[in-house]
Structures are given as C-alpha cells and as structure tokens.
Protein backbone atom coordinates (compact mmCIF):
# COMPACT_ATOMS: atom_id res chain seq x y z
CA MET A 1 116.33 101.12 98.73
CA SER A 2 119.82 101.17 100.19
CA ALA A 3 121.89 100.51 97.05
CA ARG A 4 121.55 103.87 95.36
CA TYR A 5 119.40 106.97 95.09
CA VAL A 6 117.74 108.27 91.93
CA PRO A 7 115.69 111.50 91.71
CA VAL A 8 112.43 109.65 91.00
CA GLY A 9 112.04 105.92 90.48
CA TRP A 10 109.01 105.11 88.37
CA ASN A 11 107.76 101.63 87.73
CA THR A 12 104.52 100.65 86.02
CA SER A 13 102.54 100.90 89.25
CA LYS A 14 103.89 104.37 90.06
CA ALA A 15 103.35 105.60 86.50
CA VAL A 16 99.73 104.45 86.51
CA TYR A 17 99.19 105.92 89.98
CA ASP A 18 100.58 109.31 88.98
CA ALA A 19 98.77 109.32 85.63
CA ILE A 20 95.42 108.68 87.31
CA ALA A 21 96.11 111.36 89.94
CA LEU A 22 97.10 113.97 87.35
CA ALA A 23 94.18 113.13 85.07
CA THR A 24 91.74 113.39 87.99
CA ILE A 25 93.16 116.79 88.97
CA ALA A 26 92.97 118.07 85.39
CA ILE A 27 89.35 116.91 85.06
CA TYR A 28 88.40 118.48 88.40
CA ILE A 29 89.93 121.86 87.52
CA PHE A 30 88.36 121.79 84.05
CA LEU A 31 84.91 121.02 85.45
CA PHE A 32 85.28 123.60 88.22
CA LEU A 33 86.20 126.35 85.75
CA HIS A 34 83.21 125.55 83.57
CA ILE A 35 80.56 124.60 86.13
CA ALA A 36 81.25 126.71 89.24
CA PRO A 37 80.29 130.06 87.61
CA SER A 38 76.72 128.83 87.22
CA PHE A 39 76.36 128.68 91.03
CA VAL A 40 77.67 132.21 91.63
CA ASP A 41 75.42 135.18 92.30
CA THR A 42 75.05 136.87 88.90
CA THR A 43 75.26 140.28 90.56
CA GLN A 44 78.76 139.44 91.85
CA PRO A 45 80.34 137.19 89.20
CA TRP A 46 83.86 135.84 89.60
CA ASP A 47 86.54 137.07 87.24
CA GLY A 48 88.75 134.56 85.47
CA THR A 49 91.64 134.82 87.92
CA SER A 50 89.42 134.50 90.99
CA LEU A 51 87.86 131.42 89.43
CA LYS A 52 91.30 129.84 88.97
CA MET A 53 92.25 130.66 92.57
CA ARG A 54 89.20 128.83 93.83
CA ALA A 55 89.73 125.91 91.47
CA TYR A 56 93.35 125.41 92.58
CA GLY A 57 92.60 126.06 96.26
CA SER A 58 89.62 123.70 96.48
CA CYS A 59 91.56 121.04 94.58
CA ALA A 60 94.50 121.29 96.99
CA PHE A 61 92.16 121.02 99.99
CA LEU A 62 90.42 117.94 98.60
CA LEU A 63 93.75 116.33 97.71
CA LEU A 64 95.08 116.93 101.21
CA SER A 65 91.90 115.42 102.68
CA VAL A 66 92.32 112.33 100.49
CA LEU A 67 96.03 112.15 101.34
CA LEU A 68 95.32 112.05 105.08
CA SER A 69 92.54 109.49 104.62
CA ILE A 70 94.67 106.90 102.80
CA GLY A 71 96.61 105.76 105.90
CA PRO A 72 93.62 104.94 108.13
CA LEU A 73 91.69 103.47 105.19
CA ALA A 74 94.56 101.06 104.52
CA ARG A 75 94.64 100.08 108.20
CA LEU A 76 90.89 99.41 108.15
CA ASP A 77 90.74 97.61 104.80
CA ARG A 78 93.65 95.99 102.93
CA ARG A 79 92.04 96.83 99.57
CA PHE A 80 93.22 100.41 100.02
CA LEU A 81 96.88 99.40 100.33
CA PRO A 82 97.66 100.14 96.64
CA LEU A 83 96.81 103.78 97.34
CA LEU A 84 99.32 103.79 100.18
CA TYR A 85 102.33 102.50 98.21
CA ASN A 86 102.93 105.77 96.32
CA ARG A 87 101.34 108.23 98.74
CA ARG A 88 104.41 110.45 98.74
CA HIS A 89 103.95 111.08 95.01
CA LEU A 90 100.43 112.32 95.74
CA GLY A 91 101.83 114.56 98.48
CA VAL A 92 104.25 116.23 96.06
CA ILE A 93 101.41 116.71 93.55
CA THR A 94 99.27 118.28 96.29
CA CYS A 95 102.09 120.71 97.09
CA ALA A 96 102.33 121.67 93.41
CA VAL A 97 98.58 122.42 93.22
CA ALA A 98 98.80 124.48 96.44
CA LEU A 99 101.66 126.47 94.90
CA MET A 100 99.48 127.16 91.85
CA HIS A 101 96.82 128.54 94.18
CA ALA A 102 99.33 130.72 96.05
CA SER A 103 100.84 132.00 92.80
CA ALA A 104 97.42 133.02 91.49
CA VAL A 105 96.61 134.82 94.75
CA LEU A 106 99.89 136.73 94.87
CA GLY A 107 99.70 137.60 91.18
CA TRP A 108 96.22 139.05 91.48
CA TYR A 109 95.73 140.60 94.91
CA PHE A 110 99.19 141.87 95.74
CA SER A 111 101.05 142.44 92.48
CA TYR A 112 99.68 145.98 92.10
CA GLY A 113 100.35 147.08 95.66
CA PRO A 114 102.85 149.71 96.77
CA GLY A 115 105.40 147.20 98.02
CA ASP A 116 106.67 143.66 97.79
CA ALA A 117 103.85 141.13 97.35
CA TYR A 118 105.14 138.91 100.15
CA VAL A 119 105.41 141.83 102.58
CA LEU A 120 101.91 142.98 101.68
CA LEU A 121 100.58 139.46 102.19
CA LEU A 122 101.63 139.59 105.85
CA SER A 123 101.03 143.29 106.55
CA ALA A 124 97.97 144.34 104.53
CA ASN A 125 95.53 142.96 107.10
CA THR A 126 96.34 143.18 110.82
CA SER A 127 92.86 142.61 112.27
CA TYR A 128 93.98 139.90 114.68
CA GLY A 129 91.54 140.93 117.38
CA ARG A 130 88.36 139.77 115.66
CA ILE A 131 87.11 136.71 113.82
CA ALA A 132 85.35 138.56 111.01
CA GLY A 133 88.15 139.90 108.86
CA PHE A 134 90.88 137.90 110.64
CA PRO A 135 94.03 137.70 108.45
CA PHE A 136 93.35 134.15 107.30
CA GLU A 137 96.23 134.38 104.83
CA ILE A 138 98.76 133.47 107.53
CA PHE A 139 97.18 130.03 107.95
CA GLY A 140 97.38 129.34 104.24
CA LEU A 141 101.00 130.47 104.17
CA ALA A 142 101.88 128.28 107.17
CA ALA A 143 100.27 125.25 105.54
CA LEU A 144 102.05 125.93 102.25
CA LEU A 145 105.45 126.15 103.95
CA VAL A 146 104.84 122.80 105.64
CA LEU A 147 103.81 121.18 102.33
CA ILE A 148 106.92 122.57 100.63
CA ALA A 149 109.14 121.22 103.41
CA LEU A 150 107.53 117.78 103.21
CA ALA A 151 107.71 117.67 99.42
CA ALA A 152 111.37 118.74 99.48
CA THR A 153 112.25 115.97 101.97
CA SER A 154 110.04 113.25 100.49
CA HIS A 155 112.93 111.40 98.83
CA ASP A 156 114.50 108.38 100.53
CA PHE A 157 117.81 110.26 100.75
CA TRP A 158 116.29 112.54 103.39
CA LEU A 159 114.72 109.59 105.15
CA SER A 160 118.17 108.01 105.49
CA PHE A 161 119.95 111.30 106.26
CA LEU A 162 117.51 112.42 108.96
CA THR A 163 116.88 108.85 110.24
CA PRO A 164 113.37 107.31 110.14
CA PRO A 165 112.21 108.62 113.57
CA VAL A 166 113.17 112.25 112.78
CA TRP A 167 111.84 112.03 109.23
CA LYS A 168 108.55 110.57 110.45
CA ALA A 169 108.20 113.23 113.14
CA LEU A 170 108.83 115.94 110.53
CA HIS A 171 106.21 114.54 108.19
CA MET A 172 103.64 114.34 110.97
CA ALA A 173 103.49 118.14 110.54
CA VAL A 174 101.09 117.46 107.67
CA TYR A 175 98.33 117.25 110.28
CA GLY A 176 99.18 120.77 111.46
CA ALA A 177 99.10 121.87 107.83
CA TYR A 178 95.64 120.38 107.37
CA PHE A 179 94.34 122.15 110.49
CA ALA A 180 95.82 125.41 109.18
CA VAL A 181 94.13 124.88 105.80
CA VAL A 182 90.76 124.32 107.50
CA LEU A 183 91.24 127.60 109.42
CA HIS A 184 92.36 129.32 106.21
CA VAL A 185 89.15 128.30 104.46
CA ALA A 186 86.86 128.84 107.47
CA LEU A 187 88.11 132.38 108.12
CA GLY A 188 88.48 133.25 104.44
CA ALA A 189 86.32 131.74 101.73
CA LEU A 190 83.54 130.65 104.09
CA GLN A 191 83.19 134.17 105.51
CA ALA A 192 82.53 135.59 102.07
CA SER A 193 80.39 132.72 100.75
CA THR A 194 76.61 132.85 100.65
CA ASN A 195 76.32 129.30 99.32
CA PRO A 196 76.19 126.67 102.11
CA PHE A 197 77.66 124.01 99.81
CA LEU A 198 81.25 125.08 100.50
CA GLY A 199 80.75 124.85 104.25
CA MET A 200 79.19 121.40 103.90
CA VAL A 201 82.16 120.17 101.85
CA VAL A 202 84.72 121.51 104.34
CA LEU A 203 82.82 120.01 107.28
CA ALA A 204 82.43 116.65 105.52
CA CYS A 205 86.13 116.46 104.62
CA ALA A 206 87.41 117.49 108.05
CA SER A 207 85.02 115.22 109.95
CA GLY A 208 85.72 112.36 107.52
CA VAL A 209 89.48 112.61 108.06
CA ALA A 210 89.05 112.79 111.83
CA GLY A 211 86.54 109.93 111.89
CA LEU A 212 88.76 107.60 109.87
CA HIS A 213 91.71 108.25 112.18
CA VAL A 214 89.59 107.60 115.26
CA ALA A 215 88.33 104.32 113.78
CA ALA A 216 91.83 103.20 112.80
CA GLY A 217 93.17 104.25 116.20
CA ARG A 218 90.54 102.20 118.01
CA ARG A 219 91.43 99.13 115.98
CA ALA A 220 95.15 99.62 116.71
CA ARG A 221 94.41 100.17 120.40
CA ALA A 222 92.44 96.93 120.53
CA ALA A 223 95.38 95.09 118.96
CA ASP A 224 97.83 96.67 121.42
CA ALA A 225 95.63 95.58 124.32
CA ALA A 226 96.04 91.93 123.29
CA VAL A 227 99.54 91.70 124.72
CA ALA A 228 101.23 88.30 124.78
CA ARG A 229 102.70 87.65 128.23
CA PRO A 230 105.34 85.10 129.23
CA LEU A 231 104.64 82.01 131.27
CA PRO A 232 105.85 81.98 134.87
CA GLN A 233 109.51 80.99 135.15
CA ALA A 234 109.96 81.12 131.34
CA PRO A 235 110.57 83.86 128.75
CA TRP A 236 108.53 82.22 125.97
CA VAL A 237 105.08 83.60 125.16
CA MET A 238 102.11 81.94 123.45
CA ALA A 239 101.80 83.98 120.24
CA GLY A 240 98.78 82.30 118.68
CA GLU A 241 97.74 79.19 116.82
CA ILE A 242 99.03 77.92 113.50
CA ALA A 243 95.50 78.06 112.10
CA ASP A 244 95.49 81.83 112.74
CA ILE A 245 98.06 82.44 109.99
CA VAL A 246 97.11 82.33 106.32
CA GLU A 247 99.79 81.15 103.87
CA ASP A 248 102.11 84.03 102.86
CA ARG A 249 100.54 86.26 105.50
CA ALA A 250 101.33 87.04 109.14
CA ILE A 251 99.96 87.69 112.58
CA THR A 252 101.32 90.54 114.67
CA VAL A 253 102.26 89.79 118.27
CA HIS A 254 102.29 92.72 120.68
CA LEU A 255 104.73 92.31 123.54
CA ALA A 256 104.84 94.09 126.86
CA ASP A 257 107.51 96.83 126.82
CA ALA A 258 108.90 95.71 123.47
CA GLU A 259 108.40 96.25 119.76
CA PRO A 260 105.75 94.06 118.09
CA VAL A 261 106.77 90.92 116.18
CA ALA A 262 105.40 89.65 112.86
CA ILE A 263 105.13 85.87 112.43
CA PHE A 264 104.87 84.83 108.77
CA ARG A 265 103.79 81.53 107.27
CA HIS A 266 105.45 80.57 103.99
CA ALA A 267 105.87 77.21 102.24
CA GLY A 268 104.42 75.44 105.27
CA LYS A 269 106.93 76.98 107.71
CA LEU A 270 106.92 79.84 110.21
CA SER A 271 109.42 82.67 110.68
CA ALA A 272 109.37 85.69 113.00
CA VAL A 273 110.89 89.13 112.44
CA SER A 274 110.46 92.61 113.85
CA ASN A 275 107.16 94.11 112.75
CA LEU A 276 108.86 97.45 111.98
CA CYS A 277 110.21 97.93 108.46
CA ALA A 278 113.76 99.29 108.38
CA HIS A 279 112.68 101.87 105.79
CA GLN A 280 110.01 103.85 107.60
CA ASN A 281 108.81 101.63 110.45
CA GLY A 282 105.97 100.31 108.29
CA PRO A 283 103.84 97.48 109.77
CA LEU A 284 105.32 94.40 108.11
CA GLY A 285 102.67 92.15 109.67
CA GLU A 286 100.08 93.85 107.47
CA GLY A 287 102.06 92.97 104.35
CA LYS A 288 102.55 89.63 102.64
CA ILE A 289 105.24 87.40 101.17
CA ILE A 290 105.91 88.04 97.48
CA ASP A 291 108.52 86.03 95.55
CA GLY A 292 109.66 84.48 98.82
CA CYS A 293 110.24 87.82 100.55
CA ILE A 294 108.31 89.65 103.24
CA THR A 295 107.02 92.76 101.46
CA CYS A 296 106.20 95.91 103.42
CA PRO A 297 102.68 97.19 102.69
CA TRP A 298 103.81 100.81 102.74
CA HIS A 299 106.56 101.06 100.14
CA GLY A 300 107.38 97.52 99.05
CA PHE A 301 110.69 97.02 100.89
CA GLN A 302 111.49 93.29 101.06
CA TYR A 303 113.22 90.91 103.49
CA HIS A 304 113.97 87.20 103.61
CA PRO A 305 111.79 85.69 106.35
CA GLU A 306 114.48 83.35 107.71
CA ASP A 307 117.16 86.01 108.37
CA GLY A 308 115.44 89.39 108.02
CA CYS A 309 117.91 90.51 105.35
CA ALA A 310 116.89 92.47 102.28
CA PRO A 311 117.76 90.69 99.02
CA ALA A 312 121.04 91.75 97.39
CA PRO A 313 122.23 94.34 96.52
CA PHE A 314 120.22 95.95 99.33
CA THR A 315 121.53 95.98 102.89
CA GLU A 316 118.61 96.55 105.28
CA LYS A 317 118.30 94.02 108.12
CA LEU A 318 115.63 93.16 110.65
CA ALA A 319 115.83 91.51 114.04
CA THR A 320 114.67 87.88 113.98
CA PHE A 321 113.05 85.77 116.71
CA ASN A 322 113.06 82.11 117.71
CA LEU A 323 109.86 80.08 117.47
CA ARG A 324 108.55 76.74 118.72
CA VAL A 325 105.40 74.85 117.75
CA ALA A 326 103.54 72.46 120.08
CA ASP A 327 100.01 71.08 119.80
CA GLY A 328 99.10 73.58 117.08
CA LYS A 329 100.22 76.55 119.18
CA ILE A 330 103.05 78.97 118.34
CA TRP A 331 105.52 79.91 121.07
CA LEU A 332 107.72 82.97 120.67
CA ASP A 333 110.94 83.90 122.45
CA PRO A 334 110.49 87.69 122.87
CA ARG A 335 114.24 88.24 123.07
CA PRO A 336 115.33 89.50 119.61
CA ASN A 337 118.33 88.13 117.77
CA PRO A 338 120.77 90.64 116.25
CA PRO A 339 119.49 92.01 112.91
CA GLY A 340 120.29 89.64 110.06
CA THR A 341 120.61 86.53 112.26
CA ARG A 342 119.40 83.43 110.44
CA VAL A 343 116.79 81.37 112.29
CA GLU A 344 115.71 78.10 110.73
CA PRO A 345 111.96 78.26 109.97
CA VAL A 346 109.82 75.85 112.00
CA ALA A 347 107.31 73.51 110.38
CA ALA A 348 103.72 74.70 110.68
C-alpha cells in the first residue's frame, strides 16, 4: 500500500493464483502442440514453428478473454472475487504469452527477409484497400503495444505516480487491445482456416465478454437508478433499513450528484464511508469487514470503519459520513466529512 513499494509482493494467495495460472497455460500449450496437428489437413501440415505460433497466439487470446470476463463476473457473483484480487498478475502473464507469439512470428516469417524484421512487418503487405489479404499484422502489433504498456505500468508505483483516474483511464485501453486482437484473428488466421472450430471459438469468446459486460452494466444501472433523495427542508436521506445489512457487510447508497456511500455493519454498529477505495476506486460496498477493517474486494486495501483510515503504517484515508437510526431505518447525511474524520458508530 502506501508505506513502501516492492517489485512484486507475493503472499500465499498470490503464489497459488500465479501457480495455477502458469500450470494451466503450460498444460494448454502442451496439449495444443500434441493434439492440434491431428485436426490439420494432412496435405498442408503445420511445421513446428507455425504450430508454436498458433499455440502461443490462441493461448494469449483465451487469456485476454478470461481477463476481461473476471470483472463483470465478480460484479454478478461474489464467488468470483478471488479471481479479481490478483488480476493484474494474470495481465502480465498474458502479455508474456503474447510476446512469445510475436517473437515466434518475427523469427520465422521475417528473419530471412532483405531488411529489418520490424520494418518488413509493417511494409511487406500494403493491401489496405481490401478485406481479403488485409495487413492484419498491424492489429496484432497495436494490441501487443497496449499490453506491454499496461504490464509495464501495472505496479502500484505507477498507480500513485499517474493518479488513480489517469491510471484507470490508461488501463481501459485493454478493451481496445481486445478489439484489435479480434480483428487480428478475423483478418488473419480465420481467413486461412478451413476448420470452422476456430471461428466458433473466437465468436464465443467475443460474444461472451460482451454479454457479461452488458449484464453487469445493467445491474449497475439498476443500482444507480435507486437514488436516495433528501427529505424536504432537510439534508438527510433514508438510506435503507437495518435489516438490509448483513453483519460485516454493507449496502451501497447512491446519491444524486455525489459519490456513492457504503454503510457497513460491524459488531452491532453502523458506519458509513465513501464507497470508492483510495487505491483504485474499487467498490468498497461489495467488500466485507475482515479483522475489524473494511476490506476492498479488488485488491484487499483496508480501512477502519469508524474513521476511514488505513491501519498503520499505511496512510490512505476515506471520507466518512454521519448516520442516524430511527424505527429500524438508517438515515444518512450526504455531506461528507473530511477524509480520516472519526464518526462514532451508531447502534444497529
């Protein structure tokens, strides 16, 4: 968090996560290299290098599809949250596999040309005026550059240096990278393939990613529509009922023209803080209280519920809010207190 930066901080959870990811990738590539040749036309067999290109490329595409599915899956079902905690590690791994694919392509198709391999990559095919034979390589290169940029800035140092809004905006470019990869495959491998299986996989992955985001977006839109509004002549808003909040969990209150607020229930008392994590604007209301601290569902950043302060030696602070309870209903003052202001929890 804020105390210091280390190149990579592994704990047991991260180590298990990365080990499973790497093992799955190794198994996939092994199976692809040994099974895929049996589905190829025997009159046009793949050579060993072409087989590796396809293994690395298909693996990178599937990884990127999974990577973009984790966020909406976690919003739709809390059981997917463990996949979200270390998603950036999976992003760096995806970039590494994509680099393996690019290296194999450059080493095979362009290494024996009359000029520099990178120059040939961009100049060997200039058929931009037609779909068949379109230089699909540029889309793969664009996607790879985006993945490299995101992997290089994945560390929390860059998040702090660039500020969360800029960092988040930069990393939203992953969606452009995915679209470029789909075009790269559609105009490249699919044009040369006589087996419909590849097209079915690409269509299923792309439509699956889009469908999950639409479903998650609809749920978020429905939540945003339930805006708590103040009573006439008073700033306080009715945020919900005590029975709505499970112990060590929260409800999220969406306010008109203001950031949402998370109201947590812990040890029989209620506290309210900004719903946006100071780390990366993660939705704190979707997290839970662990060891007495509000724990962000995205990356595990923690805050004391009564003052919004991260436990020492960390220094992040959240805005807090005043609450009242009457007749089983929770009333919220939508005017935030300065970050780190202690507010005595109210009895539930």
